[in-house]
Amino acid sequence: MTREGRRLLQSEALRICGQWIRGIGEVKPDPSLDAREVVVIVGLPRTGSTLMHNLFAIDPATVTIPFWQ
């Protein structure tokens, strides 16, 4: 990857993380959830992370943040 490519990737990752962190503040904590059971799904494009998120979201026993948040 070129120097410019790394710079663009880093700035985009920081932008997305900032949006995600701001979005967390809008989510009201559910006292019935156990923090030890949190699963965070991250992945590069085309690696199956969206499919994994969608599979978790189907289960009514899980609480998921909408993909766009």
Protein backbone atom coordinates (compact mmCIF):
# COMPACT_ATOMS: atom_id res chain seq x y z
CA MET A 1 0.00 0.00 0.00
CA THR A 2 1.30 3.44 -0.83
CA ARG A 3 1.92 6.14 1.75
CA GLU A 4 -1.13 8.05 0.47
CA GLY A 5 -3.25 4.90 0.66
CA ARG A 6 -2.21 4.30 4.29
CA ARG A 7 -2.98 7.93 5.14
CA LEU A 8 -6.44 7.72 3.55
CA LEU A 9 -7.19 4.41 5.26
CA GLN A 10 -6.12 5.78 8.64
CA SER A 11 -8.22 8.95 8.28
CA GLU A 12 -11.27 6.92 7.20
CA ALA A 13 -10.84 4.49 10.11
CA LEU A 14 -10.60 7.38 12.57
CA ARG A 15 -13.70 9.02 11.08
CA ILE A 16 -15.71 5.80 11.36
CA CYS A 17 -14.53 5.15 14.93
CA GLY A 18 -15.52 8.69 15.90
CA GLN A 19 -19.02 8.17 14.49
CA TRP A 20 -19.31 4.86 16.29
CA ILE A 21 -18.21 6.33 19.63
CA ARG A 22 -20.68 9.22 19.29
CA GLY A 23 -23.42 6.69 18.48
CA ILE A 24 -22.72 4.68 21.63
CA GLY A 25 -23.75 7.68 23.73
CA GLU A 26 -27.23 7.51 22.18
CA VAL A 27 -27.78 3.89 23.20
CA LYS A 28 -29.53 3.47 26.54
CA PRO A 29 -27.95 0.68 28.62
CA ASP A 30 -30.19 -2.27 29.42
CA PRO A 31 -29.62 -3.37 33.04
CA SER A 32 -30.64 -6.93 32.19
CA LEU A 33 -27.64 -7.35 29.86
CA ASP A 34 -24.49 -8.94 31.18
CA ALA A 35 -21.40 -7.01 30.08
CA ARG A 36 -19.39 -10.23 30.01
CA GLU A 37 -21.48 -11.39 27.05
CA VAL A 38 -20.69 -8.52 24.69
CA VAL A 39 -19.55 -9.46 21.18
CA VAL A 40 -18.02 -6.85 18.92
CA ILE A 41 -17.83 -7.74 15.25
CA VAL A 42 -15.23 -5.96 13.14
CA GLY A 43 -13.82 -6.84 9.77
CA LEU A 44 -12.48 -5.59 6.51
CA PRO A 45 -14.86 -5.38 3.54
CA ARG A 46 -15.79 -8.71 1.93
CA THR A 47 -14.71 -10.81 4.93
CA GLY A 48 -18.16 -11.88 6.16
CA SER A 49 -18.48 -9.43 9.07
CA THR A 50 -21.82 -8.08 7.76
CA LEU A 51 -23.16 -11.61 7.39
CA MET A 52 -22.07 -12.39 10.95
CA HIS A 53 -23.76 -9.21 12.22
CA ASN A 54 -26.97 -10.10 10.36
CA LEU A 55 -26.94 -13.63 11.79
CA PHE A 56 -26.64 -12.28 15.33
CA ALA A 57 -29.41 -9.76 14.63
CA ILE A 58 -31.84 -12.54 13.62
CA ASP A 59 -31.70 -14.13 17.08
CA PRO A 60 -34.40 -12.56 19.29
CA ALA A 61 -32.25 -13.26 22.37
CA THR A 62 -29.56 -10.82 21.21
CA VAL A 63 -29.48 -7.04 21.18
CA THR A 64 -27.71 -5.56 18.19
CA ILE A 65 -26.89 -2.04 17.16
CA PRO A 66 -28.22 -1.37 13.66
CA PHE A 67 -25.45 -1.72 11.09
CA TRP A 68 -25.75 1.93 10.02
CA GLN A 69 -25.02 3.19 13.55
